[in-house]
Amino acid sequence: MTPQLATLAQQTADRLAEQQVGAVVAAVAGDDVEIRGAGRTGGPGSRVPGPGTLFEIGSVTKVFTALVLARLAVAGTVDLDEPLAALLPPGAVVPARGGREISLRHLATHTSGLPRLPKGMMLPALLRPAKPDPYAGCTADVLLSGLARTRLGAVPGERFRYSNLGAGLLGLALARRAGTDYEALVTREICAPLGLADTAVTVDGSRSPALAQGHTGRGRPARPWHLADLAGAGGLRSTATDLAAFLRAQWDTRPAELAEAIRLSREVEHRTSPFAWIHLGWMAHRLHARQGGHLQIWHNGGTGGFSSFVGFDPEKQVAVVALGNTQRAVDAPAFELLRTLQAA
């Protein structure tokens, strides 16, 4: 299937490059992986992006954060139903509702009742040109101060409400329990076991030239985003090579140290409709029978200059990575490629 994979990956990359400055696509079927790029990376030394080009992956970071939670739960370091307050500094005030506290499970499934954004951050502020790096001030002190003044929109555990704040607090809390920072925790628990050499929050030194230039939806250069202590919500950079390996691990039983955590991450479900649900970090749905009835598990992401998508079907053992260096979403061509792989 490799020649067909290569063709499909290139066709999708070419299609994305019509809307992006540059794009990279990975098509995965079992042990076969084909990665193709199109367009340009932008910036000094602009070139065709490839398997090792670094992109901001935005909210795709959340599935890494959720898998760290599963890893620590399997190890007995945390419990999925442990209150968030137990992992925060003494005196931190965590809102509750209906007599129910926010747990780590709630944060990973977006059922905490927390708002999408930290206190004081309105969505329009994220879209203003004057706010090129809107989360840079989200330090732990700022987040916890705002959390104390936040009212929950629902009783924890009852309703899905997508929350960057919740995912960021989860990353912050797990790092504090582990006695390290978020980046070091992700490296230790996920990147090192899987050999993901280019997935990190901080890109400097020899890796800097591999980072693509981000662009606005109109193709203008955009500044990088730095999420400070909200990094667990969207602070990672990665490559198509690393993300393809991360997706293959979703059905591979190696390394064994991750396999149990991956199983746990998908055992947890919160239904959002009869045909859709959320696992720890992952969105999931099953296609209508007319479309083959296949399972799709996925997440997308976006920052001020990048867009991303990862999706897979563990039953068919196929997966797709799509990365672009503008704000324009890459989801539609990526989902189309995933359906094509599922039907093969």
Protein backbone atom coordinates (compact mmCIF):
# COMPACT_ATOMS: atom_id res chain seq x y z
CA MET A 1 0.00 0.00 0.00
CA THR A 2 3.04 2.30 0.27
CA PRO A 3 2.91 3.71 -3.30
CA GLN A 4 -0.80 4.45 -2.86
CA LEU A 5 -0.10 5.99 0.57
CA ALA A 6 2.57 8.24 -0.92
CA THR A 7 0.22 9.39 -3.67
CA LEU A 8 -2.63 10.09 -1.26
CA ALA A 9 -0.36 11.98 1.13
CA GLN A 10 1.04 14.13 -1.68
CA GLN A 11 -2.38 14.86 -3.13
CA THR A 12 -3.63 16.01 0.26
CA ALA A 13 -0.52 18.12 0.89
CA ASP A 14 -0.93 19.74 -2.54
CA ARG A 15 -4.58 20.45 -1.82
CA LEU A 16 -3.72 22.02 1.53
CA ALA A 17 -0.95 24.11 -0.01
CA GLU A 18 -3.60 25.88 -2.08
CA GLN A 19 -4.92 27.35 1.21
CA GLN A 20 -1.75 27.26 3.30
CA VAL A 21 1.68 28.82 2.79
CA GLY A 22 3.02 25.32 3.38
CA ALA A 23 1.71 21.95 4.55
CA VAL A 24 2.91 18.49 5.53
CA VAL A 25 0.74 15.37 5.52
CA ALA A 26 1.45 11.92 6.94
CA ALA A 27 -0.63 8.94 5.83
CA VAL A 28 -0.30 5.85 8.04
CA ALA A 29 -1.51 2.30 7.41
CA GLY A 30 -0.29 -0.30 9.89
CA ASP A 31 3.49 -0.10 9.89
CA ASP A 32 3.63 1.93 6.67
CA VAL A 33 4.10 5.70 6.92
CA GLU A 34 4.36 8.15 4.02
CA ILE A 35 5.02 11.85 4.65
CA ARG A 36 4.80 14.50 1.96
CA GLY A 37 5.02 18.28 1.93
CA ALA A 38 3.98 21.10 -0.39
CA GLY A 39 4.28 24.88 -0.51
CA ARG A 40 6.91 26.73 1.52
CA THR A 41 7.99 26.98 5.15
CA GLY A 42 8.28 30.76 4.87
CA GLY A 43 10.81 32.93 6.65
CA PRO A 44 14.57 32.97 6.03
CA GLY A 45 15.74 29.99 4.00
CA SER A 46 12.17 29.17 2.94
CA ARG A 47 11.85 25.67 1.50
CA VAL A 48 9.35 22.89 0.92
CA PRO A 49 8.28 21.63 4.37
CA GLY A 50 9.01 17.99 5.09
CA PRO A 51 8.95 15.21 7.70
CA GLY A 52 11.25 17.09 10.08
CA THR A 53 9.71 20.56 9.78
CA LEU A 54 8.49 21.86 13.14
CA PHE A 55 4.99 23.33 13.49
CA GLU A 56 3.08 24.74 16.43
CA ILE A 57 0.43 22.05 17.00
CA GLY A 58 -1.90 24.07 19.24
CA SER A 59 -4.64 22.03 20.86
CA VAL A 60 -3.27 18.72 19.61
CA THR A 61 -1.13 19.25 22.71
CA LYS A 62 -4.19 18.29 24.76
CA VAL A 63 -3.97 14.61 23.78
CA PHE A 64 -0.38 14.55 25.03
CA THR A 65 -1.49 16.13 28.31
CA ALA A 66 -4.30 13.59 28.68
CA LEU A 67 -1.95 10.69 27.99
CA VAL A 68 0.41 12.01 30.67
CA LEU A 69 -2.59 11.87 33.03
CA ALA A 70 -3.24 8.25 32.04
CA ARG A 71 0.44 7.39 32.52
CA LEU A 72 0.52 8.88 36.00
CA ALA A 73 -2.79 7.19 36.88
CA VAL A 74 -1.46 3.79 35.83
CA ALA A 75 1.64 4.43 37.92
CA GLY A 76 -0.48 5.35 40.95
CA THR A 77 0.93 8.89 41.09
CA VAL A 78 -2.55 10.36 40.63
CA ASP A 79 -6.12 9.10 40.48
CA LEU A 80 -8.47 10.08 37.66
CA ASP A 81 -11.11 11.09 40.18
CA GLU A 82 -8.71 13.00 42.43
CA PRO A 83 -9.81 16.62 42.97
CA LEU A 84 -7.84 19.26 41.09
CA ALA A 85 -7.44 21.14 44.37
CA ALA A 86 -5.30 18.30 45.77
CA LEU A 87 -2.60 18.98 43.14
CA LEU A 88 -2.52 22.77 43.47
CA PRO A 89 -0.64 24.91 45.99
CA PRO A 90 -2.13 25.16 49.50
CA GLY A 91 -4.73 27.89 49.62
CA ALA A 92 -5.62 27.67 45.92
CA VAL A 93 -9.37 28.17 45.48
CA VAL A 94 -11.07 25.86 42.97
CA PRO A 95 -14.73 26.52 42.16
CA ALA A 96 -17.32 23.78 42.67
CA ARG A 97 -20.98 23.44 41.78
CA GLY A 98 -23.80 21.25 42.96
CA GLY A 99 -21.61 19.94 45.75
CA ARG A 100 -19.21 18.38 43.25
CA GLU A 101 -15.52 19.21 42.90
CA ILE A 102 -13.56 19.35 39.65
CA SER A 103 -11.52 16.16 39.17
CA LEU A 104 -8.65 15.36 36.85
CA ARG A 105 -11.01 13.22 34.76
CA HIS A 106 -13.30 16.23 34.31
CA LEU A 107 -10.42 18.36 33.05
CA ALA A 108 -9.29 15.75 30.49
CA THR A 109 -12.82 15.21 29.16
CA HIS A 110 -13.84 18.89 29.12
CA THR A 111 -16.62 18.25 31.62
CA SER A 112 -15.28 20.46 34.43
CA GLY A 113 -17.76 23.28 33.82
CA LEU A 114 -14.86 25.70 33.43
CA PRO A 115 -15.08 28.36 30.69
CA ARG A 116 -13.09 28.09 27.49
CA LEU A 117 -10.61 30.82 28.44
CA PRO A 118 -8.95 32.01 31.66
CA LYS A 119 -10.67 34.75 33.63
CA GLY A 120 -10.28 38.13 31.94
CA MET A 121 -9.57 36.72 28.46
CA MET A 122 -12.39 37.32 26.03
CA LEU A 123 -12.40 35.51 22.69
CA PRO A 124 -12.32 38.77 20.67
CA ALA A 125 -9.04 39.61 22.43
CA LEU A 126 -7.48 36.52 20.85
CA LEU A 127 -8.40 37.77 17.40
CA ARG A 128 -7.11 41.34 17.64
CA PRO A 129 -3.90 42.13 15.76
CA ALA A 130 -2.75 43.95 18.92
CA LYS A 131 -2.72 40.58 20.71
CA PRO A 132 -0.19 38.54 18.68
CA ASP A 133 0.76 36.29 21.64
CA PRO A 134 -2.41 36.26 23.77
CA TYR A 135 -1.55 33.54 26.29
CA ALA A 136 2.00 34.70 27.11
CA GLY A 137 0.90 36.20 30.42
CA CYS A 138 -0.80 33.02 31.67
CA THR A 139 1.55 32.29 34.54
CA ALA A 140 0.54 29.98 37.38
CA ASP A 141 -0.17 32.95 39.64
CA VAL A 142 -2.41 34.59 37.04
CA LEU A 143 -4.26 31.34 36.30
CA LEU A 144 -4.88 30.49 39.95
CA SER A 145 -5.95 34.03 40.79
CA GLY A 146 -8.47 33.94 37.95
CA LEU A 147 -9.61 30.43 38.87
CA ALA A 148 -10.59 31.63 42.34
CA ARG A 149 -12.94 34.17 40.73
CA THR A 150 -14.41 31.79 38.15
CA ARG A 151 -17.96 30.44 38.25
CA LEU A 152 -18.65 27.04 36.71
CA GLY A 153 -21.13 26.85 33.87
CA ALA A 154 -22.28 23.34 34.81
CA VAL A 155 -21.95 20.75 37.54
CA PRO A 156 -18.62 18.95 37.01
CA GLY A 157 -19.05 15.71 35.08
CA GLU A 158 -22.45 16.53 33.61
CA ARG A 159 -21.84 18.47 30.41
CA PHE A 160 -19.15 18.75 27.73
CA ARG A 161 -17.78 22.28 27.48
CA TYR A 162 -14.47 22.63 25.64
CA SER A 163 -11.97 24.43 27.86
CA ASN A 164 -8.45 25.59 27.14
CA LEU A 165 -8.34 26.71 30.75
CA GLY A 166 -9.18 23.22 31.99
CA ALA A 167 -6.55 21.51 29.84
CA GLY A 168 -3.93 24.05 30.85
CA LEU A 169 -4.72 23.60 34.54
CA LEU A 170 -4.43 19.83 34.07
CA GLY A 171 -0.93 20.20 32.65
CA LEU A 172 0.03 22.58 35.44
CA ALA A 173 -1.37 20.30 38.15
CA LEU A 174 0.28 17.13 36.80
CA ALA A 175 3.65 18.85 36.54
CA ARG A 176 3.35 20.08 40.11
CA ARG A 177 2.49 16.58 41.40
CA ALA A 178 5.45 15.16 39.44
CA GLY A 179 7.80 17.82 40.82
CA THR A 180 8.86 19.13 37.42
CA ASP A 181 7.69 21.42 34.62
CA TYR A 182 5.20 20.53 31.89
CA GLU A 183 7.74 20.18 29.09
CA ALA A 184 10.01 17.89 31.11
CA LEU A 185 7.00 15.79 32.15
CA VAL A 186 5.81 15.25 28.56
CA THR A 187 9.35 14.37 27.51
CA ARG A 188 9.73 11.83 30.31
CA GLU A 189 6.32 10.18 30.07
CA ILE A 190 5.65 10.21 26.31
CA CYS A 191 8.41 11.52 24.08
CA ALA A 192 11.28 9.48 25.52
CA PRO A 193 9.44 6.10 25.45
CA LEU A 194 8.25 6.72 21.87
CA GLY A 195 11.49 8.25 20.62
CA LEU A 196 9.85 11.58 19.74
CA ALA A 197 12.98 13.69 19.42
CA ASP A 198 11.34 16.84 18.05
CA THR A 199 8.25 17.34 20.21
CA ALA A 200 8.78 20.11 22.74
CA VAL A 201 7.49 23.40 24.08
CA THR A 202 10.78 25.22 23.59
CA VAL A 203 12.55 25.26 20.23
CA ASP A 204 16.01 26.75 20.29
CA GLY A 205 19.59 26.02 19.31
CA SER A 206 20.08 23.52 16.50
CA ARG A 207 16.33 22.90 16.11
CA SER A 208 15.40 26.53 15.43
CA PRO A 209 16.02 26.40 11.64
CA ALA A 210 13.54 23.52 11.38
CA LEU A 211 10.64 25.67 12.67
CA ALA A 212 8.27 26.84 9.96
CA GLN A 213 7.19 30.48 9.89
CA GLY A 214 3.58 30.88 10.97
CA HIS A 215 1.15 33.02 8.98
CA THR A 216 -2.25 34.63 9.47
CA GLY A 217 -5.21 33.50 7.43
CA ARG A 218 -4.25 36.16 4.88
CA GLY A 219 -0.72 34.82 4.55
CA ARG A 220 1.03 37.49 6.60
CA PRO A 221 3.83 36.41 8.97
CA ALA A 222 2.56 35.74 12.50
CA ARG A 223 4.49 35.77 15.76
CA PRO A 224 4.94 32.48 17.66
CA TRP A 225 2.62 31.74 20.54
CA HIS A 226 3.95 31.07 24.03
CA LEU A 227 1.43 29.69 26.51
CA ALA A 228 3.47 30.05 29.71
CA ASP A 229 1.88 27.83 32.40
CA LEU A 230 -1.12 27.10 30.17
CA ALA A 231 1.21 25.02 27.95
CA GLY A 232 -0.80 21.83 28.55
CA ALA A 233 -3.61 23.33 26.47
CA GLY A 234 -1.59 24.07 23.34
CA GLY A 235 2.10 24.80 23.85
CA LEU A 236 3.82 21.95 21.99
CA ARG A 237 5.71 22.09 18.70
CA SER A 238 6.16 18.89 16.73
CA THR A 239 6.80 17.29 13.34
CA ALA A 240 4.81 14.99 11.09
CA THR A 241 7.36 12.25 11.83
CA ASP A 242 6.83 12.46 15.58
CA LEU A 243 3.06 12.76 15.34
CA ALA A 244 2.83 9.75 13.01
CA ALA A 245 4.79 7.71 15.58
CA PHE A 246 2.48 8.98 18.32
CA LEU A 247 -0.57 7.84 16.33
CA ARG A 248 0.91 4.42 15.52
CA ALA A 249 1.34 3.88 19.26
CA GLN A 250 -2.44 4.11 19.58
CA TRP A 251 -2.79 0.57 18.23
CA ASP A 252 0.70 -0.81 18.79
CA THR A 253 1.38 -2.61 22.07
CA ARG A 254 4.97 -1.34 22.14
CA PRO A 255 6.36 0.08 24.26
CA ALA A 256 4.50 -1.87 26.94
CA GLU A 257 5.00 0.95 29.43
CA LEU A 258 2.68 3.14 27.35
CA ALA A 259 0.19 0.53 26.17
CA GLU A 260 -1.74 0.33 29.44
CA ALA A 261 -2.04 4.10 29.64
CA ILE A 262 -3.27 4.30 26.05
CA ARG A 263 -5.92 1.67 26.81
CA LEU A 264 -7.01 3.64 29.88
CA SER A 265 -7.20 6.87 27.89
CA ARG A 266 -9.80 5.30 25.59
CA GLU A 267 -11.70 3.36 28.24
CA VAL A 268 -12.89 6.67 29.65
CA GLU A 269 -15.87 8.00 27.68
CA HIS A 270 -18.26 10.89 28.03
CA ARG A 271 -21.07 10.88 25.46
CA THR A 272 -21.79 14.17 23.72
CA SER A 273 -24.39 12.68 21.34
CA PRO A 274 -25.61 9.20 20.34
CA PHE A 275 -22.80 9.01 17.78
CA ALA A 276 -20.03 11.11 19.37
CA TRP A 277 -18.09 11.11 22.60
CA ILE A 278 -14.86 12.21 24.19
CA HIS A 279 -12.11 10.06 25.68
CA LEU A 280 -9.26 11.40 27.81
CA GLY A 281 -8.21 14.20 25.47
CA TRP A 282 -9.53 12.67 22.25
CA MET A 283 -12.72 13.49 20.35
CA ALA A 284 -14.41 10.47 18.77
CA HIS A 285 -17.36 9.55 16.58
CA ARG A 286 -18.55 6.73 14.37
CA LEU A 287 -19.47 7.45 10.79
CA HIS A 288 -22.92 6.67 9.47
CA ALA A 289 -23.33 3.21 7.95
CA ARG A 290 -23.56 4.84 4.48
CA GLN A 291 -20.01 6.10 5.05
CA GLY A 292 -18.75 2.71 6.19
CA GLY A 293 -19.56 2.98 9.90
CA HIS A 294 -15.89 3.49 10.71
CA LEU A 295 -14.54 4.81 14.01
CA GLN A 296 -12.67 8.13 13.92
CA ILE A 297 -10.71 9.39 16.92
CA TRP A 298 -9.16 12.81 16.45
CA HIS A 299 -8.13 16.23 17.62
CA ASN A 300 -7.28 19.45 15.82
CA GLY A 301 -5.41 22.58 16.80
CA GLY A 302 -4.73 26.15 15.84
CA THR A 303 -2.52 29.03 16.97
CA GLY A 304 -1.96 32.50 15.58
CA GLY A 305 0.00 31.13 12.64
CA PHE A 306 -0.52 27.36 12.43
CA SER A 307 -3.21 24.70 12.12
CA SER A 308 -3.03 20.98 12.82
CA PHE A 309 -5.00 17.73 12.75
CA VAL A 310 -4.35 14.19 13.97
CA GLY A 311 -6.84 11.38 13.54
CA PHE A 312 -6.87 7.60 13.50
CA ASP A 313 -8.95 4.44 13.41
CA PRO A 314 -7.57 1.77 15.78
CA GLU A 315 -9.83 -0.87 14.22
CA LYS A 316 -8.46 -0.36 10.70
CA GLN A 317 -5.03 0.78 11.98
CA VAL A 318 -4.88 3.85 9.77
CA ALA A 319 -4.07 7.44 10.70
CA VAL A 320 -3.56 10.93 9.30
CA VAL A 321 -1.44 13.90 10.36
CA ALA A 322 -1.95 17.27 8.65
CA LEU A 323 0.07 20.36 9.54
CA GLY A 324 -0.20 23.82 7.99
CA ASN A 325 1.56 27.11 8.64
CA THR A 326 -1.41 29.45 8.51
CA GLN A 327 -4.47 29.93 10.72
CA ARG A 328 -6.68 28.26 8.12
CA ALA A 329 -8.02 24.90 9.28
CA VAL A 330 -6.69 21.72 7.70
CA ASP A 331 -9.51 19.52 8.98
CA ALA A 332 -11.62 18.92 5.85
CA PRO A 333 -8.87 17.46 3.60
CA ALA A 334 -7.47 15.53 6.57
CA PHE A 335 -10.82 13.91 7.38
CA GLU A 336 -11.29 13.11 3.70
CA LEU A 337 -7.91 11.36 3.60
CA LEU A 338 -8.75 9.42 6.77
CA ARG A 339 -12.03 8.20 5.25
CA THR A 340 -10.17 7.15 2.10
CA LEU A 341 -7.67 5.12 4.13
CA GLN A 342 -10.49 3.54 6.10
CA ALA A 343 -12.28 2.47 2.92
CA ALA A 344 -9.18 0.88 1.36
